[in-house]
Amino acid sequence: MEHLDKKIVSLLHTVTSENAENNPSLTEDEALSHAHEKEPFGQTLQTFMQLAGESLVFAQRYLVDERISITMPKSFRDMPIDEQLLKYPSHHRPDFIFTNEAGTINLTFKHTESPLQTEELEDFTDEMALVVKQTQKLTEWFGHEVLEVGEKRIGYCEFMTPVWNARMYNLSFFTVLEGRALMCAFNCTEEEMVTWKPVARSMLLTLKIEPERKESKPL
């Protein structure tokens, strides 16, 4: 894998630059030197959780023809197409976009056509990190890594980008599904980050590749 597919780069830019301000980014030393200290990545999600005064029920949801599953709040809704066109105007927008009622917290998924094998995931993650640093107006870089989650590997990049009069927290994560890159992303406002950053990480850890369903043979 010598370089990232242009569609993946476009998708990454689409899901991280929503409503971005046209402000100059920080210098590389300022913007990229905030690597987070090593700490447990995520926590165990409870079925019932109280977050910022709101009672939420978390449940497993199946996507991509039930080939993947992830735990998320049951109250997250499918974003209507008119909202998608406003927030993600690129034709490379994600296949699945979930959001909270206010539309300030988003979780997206896209099974791309770009070939990817598990042994390439570390290089892929490094390239994704490089693309983010080169194309986004970063205000803070938390880090990137490949995690061993059960029997699978998941790469991620975690960073902040500017939006109108505020900042946006972004957690982009990716893995291999059927020999192709599965791109996922979570974002929320900086105000919500204190509550949702550990939850977003925990949701990442619940991502599962489901076994293919075998069609039952007729008797």
C-alpha atoms as a PDB file:
ATOM      1  CA  MET A   1       0.000   0.000   0.000  1.00  0.00           C
ATOM      2  CA  GLU A   2       1.960   2.991  -1.251  1.00  0.00           C
ATOM      3  CA  HIS A   3      -0.590   5.732  -0.709  1.00  0.00           C
ATOM      4  CA  LEU A   4      -4.135   6.365   0.436  1.00  0.00           C
ATOM      5  CA  ASP A   5      -6.965   6.193  -2.059  1.00  0.00           C
ATOM      6  CA  LYS A   6      -8.147   9.681  -3.076  1.00  0.00           C
ATOM      7  CA  LYS A   7     -11.715   8.782  -2.061  1.00  0.00           C
ATOM      8  CA  ILE A   8     -10.536   7.958   1.471  1.00  0.00           C
ATOM      9  CA  VAL A   9      -8.712  11.277   1.708  1.00  0.00           C
ATOM     10  CA  SER A  10     -11.840  13.077   0.487  1.00  0.00           C
ATOM     11  CA  LEU A  11     -14.018  11.166   2.977  1.00  0.00           C
ATOM     12  CA  LEU A  12     -11.646  11.995   5.834  1.00  0.00           C
ATOM     13  CA  HIS A  13     -11.706  15.662   4.890  1.00  0.00           C
ATOM     14  CA  THR A  14     -15.511  15.592   4.651  1.00  0.00           C
ATOM     15  CA  VAL A  15     -16.146  14.139   8.111  1.00  0.00           C
ATOM     16  CA  THR A  16     -13.574  16.327   9.896  1.00  0.00           C
ATOM     17  CA  SER A  17     -14.005  19.720   8.216  1.00  0.00           C
ATOM     18  CA  GLU A  18     -17.742  20.226   8.728  1.00  0.00           C
ATOM     19  CA  ASN A  19     -18.357  23.942   9.354  1.00  0.00           C
ATOM     20  CA  ALA A  20     -14.608  24.535   9.686  1.00  0.00           C
ATOM     21  CA  GLU A  21     -13.438  28.081  10.153  1.00  0.00           C
ATOM     22  CA  ASN A  22     -11.027  29.510   7.642  1.00  0.00           C
ATOM     23  CA  ASN A  23      -8.529  30.267  10.396  1.00  0.00           C
ATOM     24  CA  PRO A  24      -4.825  29.552  10.129  1.00  0.00           C
ATOM     25  CA  SER A  25      -3.809  26.421  11.972  1.00  0.00           C
ATOM     26  CA  LEU A  26      -1.330  26.471  14.794  1.00  0.00           C
ATOM     27  CA  THR A  27       2.299  25.906  13.995  1.00  0.00           C
ATOM     28  CA  GLU A  28       3.313  22.264  13.839  1.00  0.00           C
ATOM     29  CA  ASP A  29       5.076  22.462  17.199  1.00  0.00           C
ATOM     30  CA  GLU A  30       2.032  24.074  18.836  1.00  0.00           C
ATOM     31  CA  ALA A  31      -0.659  21.985  17.186  1.00  0.00           C
ATOM     32  CA  LEU A  32       0.938  18.564  17.101  1.00  0.00           C
ATOM     33  CA  SER A  33       2.945  18.394  20.316  1.00  0.00           C
ATOM     34  CA  HIS A  34       0.020  17.680  22.630  1.00  0.00           C
ATOM     35  CA  ALA A  35       0.341  13.897  22.592  1.00  0.00           C
ATOM     36  CA  HIS A  36      -1.792  12.492  25.389  1.00  0.00           C
ATOM     37  CA  GLU A  37      -0.225  10.586  28.238  1.00  0.00           C
ATOM     38  CA  LYS A  38      -0.635   6.835  28.185  1.00  0.00           C
ATOM     39  CA  GLU A  39      -3.899   5.936  29.855  1.00  0.00           C
ATOM     40  CA  PRO A  40      -6.449   3.154  29.543  1.00  0.00           C
ATOM     41  CA  PHE A  41      -8.190   3.565  26.201  1.00  0.00           C
ATOM     42  CA  GLY A  42     -11.913   3.697  26.936  1.00  0.00           C
ATOM     43  CA  GLN A  43     -13.963   1.951  29.556  1.00  0.00           C
ATOM     44  CA  THR A  44     -16.702  -0.629  29.778  1.00  0.00           C
ATOM     45  CA  LEU A  45     -19.967   0.800  28.484  1.00  0.00           C
ATOM     46  CA  GLN A  46     -22.952   0.279  30.741  1.00  0.00           C
ATOM     47  CA  THR A  47     -26.420  -0.355  29.321  1.00  0.00           C
ATOM     48  CA  PHE A  48     -27.756   2.627  31.270  1.00  0.00           C
ATOM     49  CA  MET A  49     -25.555   5.706  31.632  1.00  0.00           C
ATOM     50  CA  GLN A  50     -26.099   9.230  32.951  1.00  0.00           C
ATOM     51  CA  LEU A  51     -24.193  11.682  30.748  1.00  0.00           C
ATOM     52  CA  ALA A  52     -24.341  15.436  31.274  1.00  0.00           C
ATOM     53  CA  GLY A  53     -27.653  15.091  33.074  1.00  0.00           C
ATOM     54  CA  GLU A  54     -29.181  12.929  30.354  1.00  0.00           C
ATOM     55  CA  SER A  55     -30.173   9.284  30.858  1.00  0.00           C
ATOM     56  CA  LEU A  56     -29.015   7.192  27.896  1.00  0.00           C
ATOM     57  CA  VAL A  57     -29.547   3.562  26.987  1.00  0.00           C
ATOM     58  CA  PHE A  58     -26.708   1.932  25.035  1.00  0.00           C
ATOM     59  CA  ALA A  59     -27.367  -0.991  22.710  1.00  0.00           C
ATOM     60  CA  GLN A  60     -25.616  -2.944  19.973  1.00  0.00           C
ATOM     61  CA  ARG A  61     -26.499  -1.849  16.449  1.00  0.00           C
ATOM     62  CA  TYR A  62     -25.808  -3.806  13.257  1.00  0.00           C
ATOM     63  CA  LEU A  63     -24.664  -2.079  10.070  1.00  0.00           C
ATOM     64  CA  VAL A  64     -23.284  -2.822   6.586  1.00  0.00           C
ATOM     65  CA  ASP A  65     -25.689  -5.701   5.936  1.00  0.00           C
ATOM     66  CA  GLU A  66     -25.121  -6.843   9.526  1.00  0.00           C
ATOM     67  CA  ARG A  67     -21.412  -7.412   8.838  1.00  0.00           C
ATOM     68  CA  ILE A  68     -20.402  -5.089  11.669  1.00  0.00           C
ATOM     69  CA  SER A  69     -21.878  -4.121  15.010  1.00  0.00           C
ATOM     70  CA  ILE A  70     -21.144  -1.339  17.472  1.00  0.00           C
ATOM     71  CA  THR A  71     -22.670  -0.184  20.743  1.00  0.00           C
ATOM     72  CA  MET A  72     -24.141   3.322  20.709  1.00  0.00           C
ATOM     73  CA  PRO A  73     -26.968   5.263  22.381  1.00  0.00           C
ATOM     74  CA  LYS A  74     -30.383   4.038  21.269  1.00  0.00           C
ATOM     75  CA  SER A  75     -31.442   7.691  21.029  1.00  0.00           C
ATOM     76  CA  PHE A  76     -28.954   8.357  18.198  1.00  0.00           C
ATOM     77  CA  ARG A  77     -31.031   8.824  15.044  1.00  0.00           C
ATOM     78  CA  ASP A  78     -30.280   8.331  11.372  1.00  0.00           C
ATOM     79  CA  MET A  79     -29.419  11.770  10.046  1.00  0.00           C
ATOM     80  CA  PRO A  80     -32.055  12.830   7.453  1.00  0.00           C
ATOM     81  CA  ILE A  81     -30.751  13.345   3.938  1.00  0.00           C
ATOM     82  CA  ASP A  82     -31.376  17.113   4.014  1.00  0.00           C
ATOM     83  CA  GLU A  83     -29.150  17.413   7.102  1.00  0.00           C
ATOM     84  CA  GLN A  84     -26.541  15.177   5.472  1.00  0.00           C
ATOM     85  CA  LEU A  85     -26.369  17.423   2.423  1.00  0.00           C
ATOM     86  CA  LEU A  86     -25.758  20.436   4.653  1.00  0.00           C
ATOM     87  CA  LYS A  87     -23.201  18.875   6.998  1.00  0.00           C
ATOM     88  CA  TYR A  88     -21.501  16.522   4.543  1.00  0.00           C
ATOM     89  CA  PRO A  89     -21.846  18.125   1.094  1.00  0.00           C
ATOM     90  CA  SER A  90     -19.175  15.961  -0.576  1.00  0.00           C
ATOM     91  CA  HIS A  91     -20.399  13.033  -2.675  1.00  0.00           C
ATOM     92  CA  HIS A  92     -17.902  10.972  -0.661  1.00  0.00           C
ATOM     93  CA  ARG A  93     -20.059  11.360   2.448  1.00  0.00           C
ATOM     94  CA  PRO A  94     -20.366   8.351   4.799  1.00  0.00           C
ATOM     95  CA  ASP A  95     -22.877   5.567   4.143  1.00  0.00           C
ATOM     96  CA  PHE A  96     -24.273   5.701   7.685  1.00  0.00           C
ATOM     97  CA  ILE A  97     -24.563   8.883   9.762  1.00  0.00           C
ATOM     98  CA  PHE A  98     -26.005   8.828  13.280  1.00  0.00           C
ATOM     99  CA  THR A  99     -26.514  11.912  15.404  1.00  0.00           C
ATOM    100  CA  ASN A 100     -28.019  13.033  18.692  1.00  0.00           C
ATOM    101  CA  GLU A 101     -31.233  15.037  18.779  1.00  0.00           C
ATOM    102  CA  ALA A 102     -29.389  18.365  18.716  1.00  0.00           C
ATOM    103  CA  GLY A 103     -27.145  17.280  15.849  1.00  0.00           C
ATOM    104  CA  THR A 104     -23.985  18.177  17.807  1.00  0.00           C
ATOM    105  CA  ILE A 105     -22.674  14.621  18.258  1.00  0.00           C
ATOM    106  CA  ASN A 106     -22.116  12.492  15.165  1.00  0.00           C
ATOM    107  CA  LEU A 107     -21.023   8.921  14.450  1.00  0.00           C
ATOM    108  CA  THR A 108     -20.354   7.870  10.848  1.00  0.00           C
ATOM    109  CA  PHE A 109     -19.394   4.737   8.912  1.00  0.00           C
ATOM    110  CA  LYS A 110     -18.321   3.955   5.362  1.00  0.00           C
ATOM    111  CA  HIS A 111     -17.188   0.643   3.861  1.00  0.00           C
ATOM    112  CA  THR A 112     -14.862   1.892   1.137  1.00  0.00           C
ATOM    113  CA  GLU A 113     -13.713   0.205  -2.055  1.00  0.00           C
ATOM    114  CA  SER A 114     -10.071   0.709  -1.071  1.00  0.00           C
ATOM    115  CA  PRO A 115      -8.157  -2.578  -0.583  1.00  0.00           C
ATOM    116  CA  LEU A 116      -6.694  -3.063   2.885  1.00  0.00           C
ATOM    117  CA  GLN A 117      -5.226  -6.066   4.679  1.00  0.00           C
ATOM    118  CA  THR A 118      -4.732  -6.449   8.420  1.00  0.00           C
ATOM    119  CA  GLU A 119      -0.939  -6.472   8.088  1.00  0.00           C
ATOM    120  CA  GLU A 120      -1.160  -3.082   6.344  1.00  0.00           C
ATOM    121  CA  LEU A 121      -3.201  -1.395   9.070  1.00  0.00           C
ATOM    122  CA  GLU A 122      -0.242   0.098  10.931  1.00  0.00           C
ATOM    123  CA  ASP A 123       1.118   1.763   7.775  1.00  0.00           C
ATOM    124  CA  PHE A 124      -2.428   2.833   6.854  1.00  0.00           C
ATOM    125  CA  THR A 125      -2.883   4.462  10.270  1.00  0.00           C
ATOM    126  CA  ASP A 126       0.447   6.303   9.966  1.00  0.00           C
ATOM    127  CA  GLU A 127      -0.586   7.566   6.525  1.00  0.00           C
ATOM    128  CA  MET A 128      -3.978   8.672   7.818  1.00  0.00           C
ATOM    129  CA  ALA A 129      -2.255  10.610  10.614  1.00  0.00           C
ATOM    130  CA  LEU A 130       0.034  12.279   8.080  1.00  0.00           C
ATOM    131  CA  VAL A 131      -2.906  13.235   5.852  1.00  0.00           C
ATOM    132  CA  VAL A 132      -4.801  14.733   8.810  1.00  0.00           C
ATOM    133  CA  LYS A 133      -1.792  16.792   9.854  1.00  0.00           C
ATOM    134  CA  GLN A 134      -1.229  18.027   6.298  1.00  0.00           C
ATOM    135  CA  THR A 135      -4.835  18.806   5.340  1.00  0.00           C
ATOM    136  CA  GLN A 136      -6.669  19.823   8.525  1.00  0.00           C
ATOM    137  CA  LYS A 137      -6.431  23.075  10.483  1.00  0.00           C
ATOM    138  CA  LEU A 138      -5.501  21.285  13.682  1.00  0.00           C
ATOM    139  CA  THR A 139      -5.585  23.028  17.033  1.00  0.00           C
ATOM    140  CA  GLU A 140      -4.543  19.963  19.019  1.00  0.00           C
ATOM    141  CA  TRP A 141      -3.244  16.482  18.229  1.00  0.00           C
ATOM    142  CA  PHE A 142      -3.886  13.759  20.807  1.00  0.00           C
ATOM    143  CA  GLY A 143      -2.235  10.889  18.956  1.00  0.00           C
ATOM    144  CA  HIS A 144      -2.665   7.888  16.674  1.00  0.00           C
ATOM    145  CA  GLU A 145      -2.174   4.179  17.271  1.00  0.00           C
ATOM    146  CA  VAL A 146      -3.264   0.679  16.283  1.00  0.00           C
ATOM    147  CA  LEU A 147      -5.170  -1.117  19.044  1.00  0.00           C
ATOM    148  CA  GLU A 148      -5.501  -4.848  19.520  1.00  0.00           C
ATOM    149  CA  VAL A 149      -9.191  -5.374  20.283  1.00  0.00           C
ATOM    150  CA  GLY A 150      -9.983  -9.030  20.766  1.00  0.00           C
ATOM    151  CA  GLU A 151      -8.959 -10.796  17.560  1.00  0.00           C
ATOM    152  CA  LYS A 152      -8.963  -7.675  15.399  1.00  0.00           C
ATOM    153  CA  ARG A 153      -6.907  -4.527  15.004  1.00  0.00           C
ATOM    154  CA  ILE A 154      -8.342  -1.006  14.899  1.00  0.00           C
ATOM    155  CA  GLY A 155      -6.346   2.094  13.985  1.00  0.00           C
ATOM    156  CA  TYR A 156      -7.324   5.567  15.128  1.00  0.00           C
ATOM    157  CA  CYS A 157      -6.399   9.256  14.964  1.00  0.00           C
ATOM    158  CA  GLU A 158      -7.594  11.677  17.657  1.00  0.00           C
ATOM    159  CA  PHE A 159      -7.459  15.453  17.284  1.00  0.00           C
ATOM    160  CA  MET A 160      -9.183  18.839  17.537  1.00  0.00           C
ATOM    161  CA  THR A 161     -10.216  21.090  14.647  1.00  0.00           C
ATOM    162  CA  PRO A 162     -11.628  24.644  14.672  1.00  0.00           C
ATOM    163  CA  VAL A 163     -15.297  25.380  13.967  1.00  0.00           C
ATOM    164  CA  TRP A 164     -17.254  28.619  14.231  1.00  0.00           C
ATOM    165  CA  ASN A 165     -16.119  30.273  17.472  1.00  0.00           C
ATOM    166  CA  ALA A 166     -15.283  26.893  19.000  1.00  0.00           C
ATOM    167  CA  ARG A 167     -13.436  23.620  18.464  1.00  0.00           C
ATOM    168  CA  MET A 168     -14.506  20.123  17.419  1.00  0.00           C
ATOM    169  CA  TYR A 169     -13.243  16.870  18.922  1.00  0.00           C
ATOM    170  CA  ASN A 170     -12.608  14.146  16.304  1.00  0.00           C
ATOM    171  CA  LEU A 171     -11.943  10.434  16.714  1.00  0.00           C
ATOM    172  CA  SER A 172     -11.391   8.771  13.319  1.00  0.00           C
ATOM    173  CA  PHE A 173     -10.995   4.996  13.426  1.00  0.00           C
ATOM    174  CA  PHE A 174     -10.594   2.293  10.813  1.00  0.00           C
ATOM    175  CA  THR A 175     -10.246  -1.434  10.379  1.00  0.00           C
ATOM    176  CA  VAL A 176     -10.442  -4.137   7.714  1.00  0.00           C
ATOM    177  CA  LEU A 177     -13.748  -5.542   6.503  1.00  0.00           C
ATOM    178  CA  GLU A 178     -13.775  -8.091   3.679  1.00  0.00           C
ATOM    179  CA  GLY A 179     -10.374  -6.931   2.438  1.00  0.00           C
ATOM    180  CA  ARG A 180     -11.406  -3.270   2.263  1.00  0.00           C
ATOM    181  CA  ALA A 181     -11.037  -0.260   4.553  1.00  0.00           C
ATOM    182  CA  LEU A 182     -13.913   0.424   6.935  1.00  0.00           C
ATOM    183  CA  MET A 183     -13.812   4.110   7.891  1.00  0.00           C
ATOM    184  CA  CYS A 184     -15.556   5.320  11.048  1.00  0.00           C
ATOM    185  CA  ALA A 185     -15.612   8.713  12.748  1.00  0.00           C
ATOM    186  CA  PHE A 186     -16.984  10.327  15.899  1.00  0.00           C
ATOM    187  CA  ASN A 187     -17.119  14.068  16.507  1.00  0.00           C
ATOM    188  CA  CYS A 188     -18.631  16.451  19.028  1.00  0.00           C
ATOM    189  CA  THR A 189     -18.156  20.015  20.217  1.00  0.00           C
ATOM    190  CA  GLU A 190     -15.369  20.876  22.648  1.00  0.00           C
ATOM    191  CA  GLU A 191     -18.023  21.657  25.267  1.00  0.00           C
ATOM    192  CA  GLU A 192     -19.261  18.062  25.027  1.00  0.00           C
ATOM    193  CA  MET A 193     -15.796  16.512  24.772  1.00  0.00           C
ATOM    194  CA  VAL A 194     -15.200  16.144  28.521  1.00  0.00           C
ATOM    195  CA  THR A 195     -18.244  13.880  28.733  1.00  0.00           C
ATOM    196  CA  TRP A 196     -18.074  12.186  25.325  1.00  0.00           C
ATOM    197  CA  LYS A 197     -14.364  11.615  24.666  1.00  0.00           C
ATOM    198  CA  PRO A 198     -14.136   8.555  26.975  1.00  0.00           C
ATOM    199  CA  VAL A 199     -17.508   7.326  25.674  1.00  0.00           C
ATOM    200  CA  ALA A 200     -16.380   7.649  22.043  1.00  0.00           C
ATOM    201  CA  ARG A 201     -13.262   5.633  22.837  1.00  0.00           C
ATOM    202  CA  SER A 202     -15.369   3.018  24.578  1.00  0.00           C
ATOM    203  CA  MET A 203     -17.735   2.773  21.613  1.00  0.00           C
ATOM    204  CA  LEU A 204     -14.713   2.203  19.350  1.00  0.00           C
ATOM    205  CA  LEU A 205     -13.745  -0.775  21.500  1.00  0.00           C
ATOM    206  CA  THR A 206     -17.183  -2.359  20.945  1.00  0.00           C
ATOM    207  CA  LEU A 207     -16.773  -2.435  17.146  1.00  0.00           C
ATOM    208  CA  LYS A 208     -17.095  -6.044  15.973  1.00  0.00           C
ATOM    209  CA  ILE A 209     -16.778  -7.773  12.634  1.00  0.00           C
ATOM    210  CA  GLU A 210     -19.683 -10.206  12.509  1.00  0.00           C
ATOM    211  CA  PRO A 211     -19.368 -13.629  10.834  1.00  0.00           C
ATOM    212  CA  GLU A 212     -20.915 -13.916   7.402  1.00  0.00           C
ATOM    213  CA  ARG A 213     -24.357 -15.424   7.418  1.00  0.00           C
ATOM    214  CA  LYS A 214     -24.550 -18.709   5.571  1.00  0.00           C
ATOM    215  CA  GLU A 215     -27.654 -19.189   3.493  1.00  0.00           C
ATOM    216  CA  SER A 216     -29.601 -22.207   4.625  1.00  0.00           C
ATOM    217  CA  LYS A 217     -29.779 -24.931   2.041  1.00  0.00           C
ATOM    218  CA  PRO A 218     -33.253 -26.028   0.944  1.00  0.00           C
ATOM    219  CA  LEU A 219     -34.350 -29.375   2.313  1.00  0.00           C
END
